[in-house]
Each structure stands twice: as C-alpha cells, then as structure tokens.
Amino acid sequence: MSKILIATEKPFSKQAVAEVKQVFEASGDEVTLLEKYSEKIELINAVADVDALIIRSDKIDKEIMDAAPDLKIVVRAGAGYDNVDLKVATENGVVVMNTPGQNSNAVAELAIGMMIYLNRNGFNGTSGTELREKTLGIHAYGYVGRIVARIAMGMGMSVYAFDPYVEKTIIENDGVTWLENVEDLYKKCQYISLHIPANDQTKGSINEELLMAMPQGATLVNTARKEVIDESSLLKILESRNDFRYISDIAPNCKDEIVSRFEGQYFFTPKKSGAQTAEANLNAGLAAAKQIVSFLKDGDTTCKVN
C-alpha cells in the first residue's frame, strides 16, 4: 500500500476530492488531505511519510522534497509546473508530471471571455467593439492555443499562429494561418493570446519590440505566466499608446501602477482563474490520480517533465 497526499492550498472541489479518493481506494492506496494550509511547515510535516503527492499551484522546493524521503512522484494537476523544482526532484529520484490538456478548455474560454469583457467595457452600458473580423494571433499552438483558435474562428475572427515546435501542416489543417516567425505574428494581429511556458528562454521575452509592432487597437491576452512579460516594456507601451490594452488572469508585479495610471487599458482577474471551473478541477484531479496509480503499479512515466 502506498500513501498519497493531496496538498492543495487552493483546494479541489468536493466532487473532485471524492472521485480522486475512489481511484486510490480501488488501487488499495491510502489518501490523506492537506487543504487551505497557511504555513509551509504544515506541508513539510505532511510529506514525511508519503510516496506520492498531488498539488495544484503549491510550491515544491528542496526543503519540501528533502523532508519526504519516501517520495517517488509529484503530479501537478494542471499544465504549468514551474512551481516544482525539477532539478532537485531529479537529484532526489522523484518523478514530476503534469496533466496536460485537462484544464485547456477552461483556460481557452477564459481568454476569449476576458477579451469580450474588456471589449464591452465591463458591460457598463456604453458602446463597445466586437471580435468578429478582427485578427487573433496564437503564440504557442498547444492544447489551449488550439481551442482558443477554434472558438475565435467560430466567432468570425481571422486566426494566425506561431509555434516553432508544431508542424506547419498541423496548424494549417485546423484552418489557422501558420507564420514562420514571432515578429510577423505581432505585426499582423490586433489580438495576441499567449500560451508559452515560463522558462529561461521565454521569461521577459514579450518585450517592447514585439508589443510596439502590434497594430492600432492592440490587445495582449496572457493566461500563461506573468514572468514571460517584460514589465518595463509593458509600462512603456501603455504610456505611449493609449490604444494598447493588456488582459491577464495573473496580475503583473506592476499592477498598482497600471491600475493608477491606465484606466480602461487593462483587466486582471482577482486571482489565477484559468483552471477555475468545475470541469477542469475534476478532470485535472482525476488525471493526476490515474497517473500516480499507473506509475506506482506499472512504472508508467507518460507526462513526466523532468
């Protein structure tokens, strides 16, 4: 029997927890919960004798992993995994996985929903603008980007995509126009939807050069990570172009300055909201549980990221 800890400062729904528990009960494993914890020491104490760990946005660093000598696998219920120290995990012999695709529809709907919300001036009764016949650029054509493209085309938008890791034919077969370089994406599109991970290559990569190249009435939509934005460039373009807008479900570090100076040019959700749907919550939790069972029983390392 293996011991599984579900450690979520931001808890799963009751339904998700119940169904995740059923997966582990069927496999003969023991499950414990640590929810809404406020101190790191609570997590350190909880991992002392666990074999597997399911998390959401919880940070798993060297101190946590060193406190868990039996830990074999950590699964991040979601796509992004920059909250886990992969180097330390590898050194400790811990497999790290994510659950790709499980939150994708929720994130895609949020991206489109935020665009509509800002275009209609927060539904304050004044005249807004439509998305139909506008150009949308998808920066990274993965699970989320593909769904955003599909929704946008259904609304009558012209959709372009840049992703050096996705074959041109795959993008074009979806009815999306493939672009060879990222500069062309930003020059051509009134709206850009970001879906790139935060890593050494991408952090700060959305810079002044790219943003200034965008057409009049430009809107940047970020449901990825705040670290990919060069914030000094963001402030500069908001100041120099009152037609430029920034939408995100992860408020930047310079949020207070944006709020105080650029009314009508931004929208931020109160907290990270991409995966905050009942469906995504359940899908990601169940996927994490099933991946742990497959790994512990059969050594299946599908979705391993380290």
Protein backbone atom coordinates (compact mmCIF):
# COMPACT_ATOMS: atom_id res chain seq x y z
CA MET A 1 0.00 0.00 0.00
CA SER A 2 1.27 3.44 -0.99
CA LYS A 3 0.45 6.67 0.85
CA ILE A 4 -0.80 9.56 -1.28
CA LEU A 5 -1.02 13.17 -0.11
CA ILE A 6 -3.27 15.70 -1.83
CA ALA A 7 -1.71 19.00 -0.77
CA THR A 8 -3.70 21.95 -2.06
CA GLU A 9 -3.60 25.39 -0.51
CA LYS A 10 -6.31 26.14 -3.11
CA PRO A 11 -8.48 23.02 -2.69
CA PHE A 12 -10.08 20.83 -5.31
CA SER A 13 -13.87 20.75 -5.34
CA LYS A 14 -15.59 18.27 -3.02
CA GLN A 15 -16.67 16.23 -6.03
CA ALA A 16 -13.11 16.09 -7.37
CA VAL A 17 -11.71 15.01 -4.00
CA ALA A 18 -14.36 12.31 -3.66
CA GLU A 19 -13.67 10.88 -7.12
CA VAL A 20 -9.89 11.07 -6.69
CA LYS A 21 -10.23 9.15 -3.44
CA GLN A 22 -12.24 6.49 -5.26
CA VAL A 23 -9.38 5.98 -7.72
CA PHE A 24 -6.92 5.36 -4.90
CA GLU A 25 -9.33 3.22 -2.89
CA ALA A 26 -9.74 0.99 -5.94
CA SER A 27 -5.95 0.61 -6.17
CA GLY A 28 -5.61 -0.15 -2.47
CA ASP A 29 -3.72 3.03 -1.63
CA GLU A 30 -4.15 5.35 1.34
CA VAL A 31 -5.08 9.01 0.79
CA THR A 32 -4.64 11.99 3.09
CA LEU A 33 -5.61 15.61 2.56
CA LEU A 34 -3.88 18.89 3.39
CA GLU A 35 -6.14 21.73 2.30
CA LYS A 36 -6.08 25.51 2.80
CA TYR A 37 -2.83 25.34 4.73
CA SER A 38 -1.22 28.68 5.55
CA GLU A 39 2.28 27.76 6.68
CA LYS A 40 4.99 25.90 4.80
CA ILE A 41 5.81 23.86 7.90
CA GLU A 42 2.38 22.21 7.62
CA LEU A 43 3.33 20.84 4.20
CA ILE A 44 6.80 19.83 5.40
CA ASN A 45 5.27 17.80 8.22
CA ALA A 46 2.62 16.26 5.97
CA VAL A 47 5.08 14.86 3.39
CA ALA A 48 7.23 12.99 5.91
CA ASP A 49 5.93 9.53 5.01
CA VAL A 50 4.21 9.90 1.63
CA ASP A 51 5.02 8.03 -1.57
CA ALA A 52 3.16 10.34 -3.92
CA LEU A 53 1.98 13.92 -3.95
CA ILE A 54 -0.76 15.72 -5.86
CA ILE A 55 -0.56 19.52 -5.93
CA ARG A 56 -2.05 22.47 -7.78
CA SER A 57 -0.16 25.79 -7.57
CA ASP A 58 1.65 24.72 -4.40
CA LYS A 59 5.42 25.28 -4.41
CA ILE A 60 7.53 22.17 -4.05
CA ASP A 61 11.17 23.05 -3.41
CA LYS A 62 14.26 21.42 -1.95
CA GLU A 63 13.09 21.83 1.64
CA ILE A 64 9.83 20.03 0.90
CA MET A 65 11.45 17.20 -1.06
CA ASP A 66 14.24 16.68 1.46
CA ALA A 67 11.53 16.26 4.11
CA ALA A 68 9.94 13.45 2.09
CA PRO A 69 12.42 10.52 1.97
CA ASP A 70 9.81 8.09 0.58
CA LEU A 71 8.53 10.44 -2.13
CA LYS A 72 8.58 8.86 -5.58
CA ILE A 73 6.28 11.07 -7.66
CA VAL A 74 4.78 14.57 -7.68
CA VAL A 75 1.91 15.33 -10.04
CA ARG A 76 0.95 18.92 -10.71
CA ALA A 77 -2.78 18.89 -11.51
CA GLY A 78 -2.57 21.32 -14.39
CA ALA A 79 -0.32 22.19 -17.30
CA GLY A 80 2.29 24.53 -15.82
CA TYR A 81 4.87 23.02 -13.47
CA ASP A 82 7.24 25.90 -12.75
CA ASN A 83 6.16 25.70 -9.10
CA VAL A 84 8.17 22.45 -8.76
CA ASP A 85 11.97 22.45 -8.55
CA LEU A 86 12.70 19.93 -11.29
CA LYS A 87 16.45 19.89 -10.67
CA VAL A 88 16.07 18.92 -7.03
CA ALA A 89 13.36 16.40 -7.90
CA THR A 90 15.69 14.69 -10.35
CA GLU A 91 18.54 14.69 -7.84
CA ASN A 92 16.20 13.10 -5.28
CA GLY A 93 14.97 10.50 -7.74
CA VAL A 94 11.46 11.95 -7.77
CA VAL A 95 9.41 11.83 -10.97
CA VAL A 96 7.46 15.01 -11.73
CA MET A 97 4.42 15.01 -14.01
CA ASN A 98 1.78 17.47 -15.13
CA THR A 99 -1.70 16.75 -16.51
CA PRO A 100 -1.59 18.32 -19.98
CA GLY A 101 -4.86 19.18 -21.64
CA GLN A 102 -7.09 18.75 -18.61
CA ASN A 103 -7.54 22.49 -17.97
CA SER A 104 -7.27 23.56 -21.60
CA ASN A 105 -10.89 24.30 -22.39
CA ALA A 106 -11.33 26.29 -19.18
CA VAL A 107 -8.28 28.44 -19.93
CA ALA A 108 -9.32 28.97 -23.56
CA GLU A 109 -12.83 30.06 -22.60
CA LEU A 110 -11.36 32.46 -20.04
CA ALA A 111 -9.07 34.04 -22.65
CA ILE A 112 -11.99 34.67 -25.01
CA GLY A 113 -14.26 35.74 -22.15
CA MET A 114 -11.78 38.37 -20.93
CA MET A 115 -11.45 39.73 -24.46
CA ILE A 116 -15.21 40.12 -24.73
CA TYR A 117 -15.46 41.64 -21.25
CA LEU A 118 -12.89 44.36 -21.96
CA ASN A 119 -14.23 45.00 -25.47
CA ARG A 120 -17.66 45.66 -23.97
CA ASN A 121 -16.23 47.99 -21.32
CA GLY A 122 -17.01 45.66 -18.47
CA PHE A 123 -20.68 45.61 -19.56
CA ASN A 124 -21.15 49.11 -18.17
CA GLY A 125 -23.77 50.03 -20.74
CA THR A 126 -21.52 52.02 -23.08
CA SER A 127 -20.80 51.14 -26.68
CA GLY A 128 -18.04 48.56 -27.14
CA THR A 129 -16.45 46.66 -30.01
CA GLU A 130 -16.86 43.18 -31.49
CA LEU A 131 -14.32 40.45 -32.09
CA ARG A 132 -15.78 39.45 -35.43
CA GLU A 133 -13.47 40.20 -38.40
CA LYS A 134 -10.58 41.04 -36.08
CA THR A 135 -7.18 39.28 -36.29
CA LEU A 136 -6.03 36.98 -33.50
CA GLY A 137 -2.53 35.60 -33.06
CA ILE A 138 -1.92 32.43 -31.07
CA HIS A 139 1.56 32.50 -29.53
CA ALA A 140 2.23 28.77 -28.88
CA TYR A 141 -0.17 26.35 -30.53
CA GLY A 142 -0.58 23.74 -27.80
CA TYR A 143 -3.68 22.35 -26.11
CA VAL A 144 -5.04 25.75 -25.04
CA GLY A 145 -3.98 27.63 -28.16
CA ARG A 146 -5.82 25.20 -30.42
CA ILE A 147 -9.08 25.62 -28.50
CA VAL A 148 -8.74 29.41 -28.46
CA ALA A 149 -8.26 29.28 -32.22
CA ARG A 150 -11.33 27.09 -32.69
CA ILE A 151 -13.55 29.36 -30.59
CA ALA A 152 -12.22 32.50 -32.27
CA MET A 153 -12.82 31.17 -35.77
CA GLY A 154 -16.35 30.28 -34.75
CA MET A 155 -16.80 33.94 -33.82
CA GLY A 156 -15.57 35.10 -37.22
CA MET A 157 -12.02 36.09 -36.32
CA SER A 158 -9.06 35.52 -38.64
CA VAL A 159 -6.58 33.38 -36.71
CA TYR A 160 -2.79 33.11 -37.08
CA ALA A 161 -0.33 31.04 -35.08
CA PHE A 162 3.37 30.87 -34.33
CA ASP A 163 4.92 27.82 -32.71
CA PRO A 164 8.34 26.50 -33.75
CA TYR A 165 7.55 23.14 -32.15
CA VAL A 166 4.34 22.44 -34.09
CA GLU A 167 4.41 21.40 -37.74
CA LYS A 168 3.01 23.83 -40.28
CA THR A 169 0.61 21.22 -41.67
CA ILE A 170 -0.97 20.64 -38.24
CA ILE A 171 -1.73 24.34 -37.85
CA GLU A 172 -2.97 24.77 -41.39
CA ASN A 173 -5.17 21.67 -41.21
CA ASP A 174 -7.05 23.41 -38.39
CA GLY A 175 -7.83 26.34 -40.67
CA VAL A 176 -5.27 28.58 -38.95
CA THR A 177 -2.68 30.58 -40.86
CA TRP A 178 0.86 29.46 -39.98
CA LEU A 179 3.51 32.15 -39.53
CA GLU A 180 7.21 31.40 -39.67
CA ASN A 181 8.42 33.93 -37.12
CA VAL A 182 7.08 35.57 -33.99
CA GLU A 183 7.68 39.11 -35.26
CA ASP A 184 5.17 38.61 -38.06
CA LEU A 185 2.57 37.37 -35.59
CA TYR A 186 2.75 40.57 -33.58
CA LYS A 187 2.83 42.83 -36.64
CA LYS A 188 -0.22 41.22 -38.18
CA CYS A 189 -2.57 40.61 -35.25
CA GLN A 190 -4.76 43.02 -33.31
CA TYR A 191 -5.11 40.45 -30.54
CA ILE A 192 -2.38 38.14 -29.24
CA SER A 193 -3.19 35.23 -26.93
CA LEU A 194 -0.14 33.98 -25.01
CA HIS A 195 0.27 30.28 -24.20
CA ILE A 196 4.02 29.94 -23.74
CA PRO A 197 5.59 28.39 -20.61
CA ALA A 198 7.83 30.35 -18.27
CA ASN A 199 11.40 29.13 -18.71
CA ASP A 200 14.86 30.54 -19.28
CA GLN A 201 14.12 31.17 -22.96
CA THR A 202 10.72 32.82 -22.52
CA LYS A 203 10.95 34.89 -19.33
CA GLY A 204 10.81 38.56 -20.28
CA SER A 205 10.60 37.65 -23.97
CA ILE A 206 7.39 39.61 -24.62
CA ASN A 207 9.20 42.88 -24.94
CA GLU A 208 8.90 46.39 -26.31
CA GLU A 209 9.92 45.41 -29.83
CA LEU A 210 7.14 42.86 -30.15
CA LEU A 211 4.47 44.94 -28.45
CA MET A 212 5.20 48.14 -30.35
CA ALA A 213 4.86 46.21 -33.62
CA MET A 214 1.22 45.40 -32.95
CA PRO A 215 -1.44 47.25 -34.99
CA GLN A 216 -3.71 50.02 -33.72
CA GLY A 217 -6.24 48.80 -31.19
CA ALA A 218 -3.87 46.09 -29.96
CA THR A 219 -4.74 43.77 -27.08
CA LEU A 220 -2.38 41.31 -25.39
CA VAL A 221 -4.08 38.44 -23.56
CA ASN A 222 -1.98 36.50 -21.05
CA THR A 223 -3.33 33.31 -19.48
CA ALA A 224 0.18 31.83 -19.33
CA ARG A 225 2.62 33.21 -16.73
CA LYS A 226 3.37 36.79 -15.69
CA GLU A 227 7.13 36.14 -15.93
CA VAL A 228 7.03 35.97 -19.74
CA ILE A 229 6.19 39.70 -19.88
CA ASP A 230 8.94 42.30 -19.72
CA GLU A 231 7.10 44.66 -17.39
CA SER A 232 9.19 47.75 -18.13
CA SER A 233 8.23 47.32 -21.80
CA LEU A 234 4.60 46.82 -20.83
CA LEU A 235 4.51 50.06 -18.86
CA LYS A 236 6.27 51.90 -21.66
CA ILE A 237 3.78 50.83 -24.32
CA LEU A 238 0.74 51.51 -22.13
CA GLU A 239 2.09 55.02 -21.62
CA SER A 240 2.98 55.73 -25.26
CA ARG A 241 -0.08 54.07 -26.84
CA ASN A 242 -3.49 54.66 -25.31
CA ASP A 243 -4.91 52.21 -27.88
CA PHE A 244 -2.95 49.32 -26.32
CA ARG A 245 -4.60 47.05 -23.74
CA TYR A 246 -3.38 44.23 -21.51
CA ILE A 247 -5.61 41.43 -20.18
CA SER A 248 -4.42 38.76 -17.79
CA ASP A 249 -5.52 36.31 -15.14
CA ILE A 250 -2.14 36.75 -13.46
CA ALA A 251 -1.67 40.36 -12.42
CA PRO A 252 1.85 41.69 -13.10
CA ASN A 253 4.15 42.95 -10.37
CA CYS A 254 3.48 46.46 -11.65
CA LYS A 255 -0.30 46.06 -11.25
CA ASP A 256 -0.70 49.02 -8.87
CA GLU A 257 0.97 51.39 -11.30
CA ILE A 258 -1.15 50.15 -14.20
CA VAL A 259 -4.35 50.50 -12.18
CA SER A 260 -3.49 54.03 -11.07
CA ARG A 261 -2.39 55.31 -14.49
CA PHE A 262 -4.09 53.41 -17.31
CA GLU A 263 -7.81 53.20 -16.71
CA GLY A 264 -9.64 51.32 -19.46
CA GLN A 265 -6.45 49.74 -20.81
CA TYR A 266 -6.34 46.64 -18.64
CA PHE A 267 -8.27 43.87 -16.95
CA PHE A 268 -6.92 41.48 -14.31
CA THR A 269 -8.85 38.71 -12.57
CA PRO A 270 -8.58 38.81 -8.76
CA LYS A 271 -6.54 35.59 -8.80
CA LYS A 272 -5.26 32.98 -11.25
CA SER A 273 -8.51 31.73 -12.79
CA GLY A 274 -7.71 29.67 -15.87
CA ALA A 275 -8.45 26.31 -14.29
CA GLN A 276 -11.24 27.53 -12.02
CA THR A 277 -14.13 25.56 -13.45
CA ALA A 278 -15.85 22.51 -12.01
CA GLU A 279 -14.95 20.51 -15.11
CA ALA A 280 -11.26 21.43 -15.15
CA ASN A 281 -11.00 20.86 -11.42
CA LEU A 282 -12.37 17.36 -11.75
CA ASN A 283 -10.50 16.45 -14.94
CA ALA A 284 -7.10 17.50 -13.61
CA GLY A 285 -7.57 15.80 -10.25
CA LEU A 286 -8.67 12.51 -11.79
CA ALA A 287 -5.85 12.59 -14.35
CA ALA A 288 -3.31 13.15 -11.56
CA ALA A 289 -4.68 10.23 -9.55
CA LYS A 290 -4.69 7.85 -12.51
CA GLN A 291 -1.15 8.84 -13.48
CA ILE A 292 0.09 8.11 -9.96
CA VAL A 293 -1.57 4.69 -9.91
CA SER A 294 -0.10 3.82 -13.32
CA PHE A 295 3.36 4.94 -12.24
CA LEU A 296 3.38 3.15 -8.89
CA LYS A 297 1.99 -0.10 -10.31
CA ASP A 298 3.46 -0.24 -13.80
CA GLY A 299 6.26 2.34 -13.89
CA ASP A 300 4.38 4.41 -16.49
CA THR A 301 6.20 7.73 -16.93
CA THR A 302 3.89 9.27 -19.52
CA CYS A 303 3.64 13.02 -18.84
CA LYS A 304 6.99 13.07 -17.00
CA VAL A 305 8.53 16.56 -17.23
CA ASN A 306 11.93 16.10 -15.53
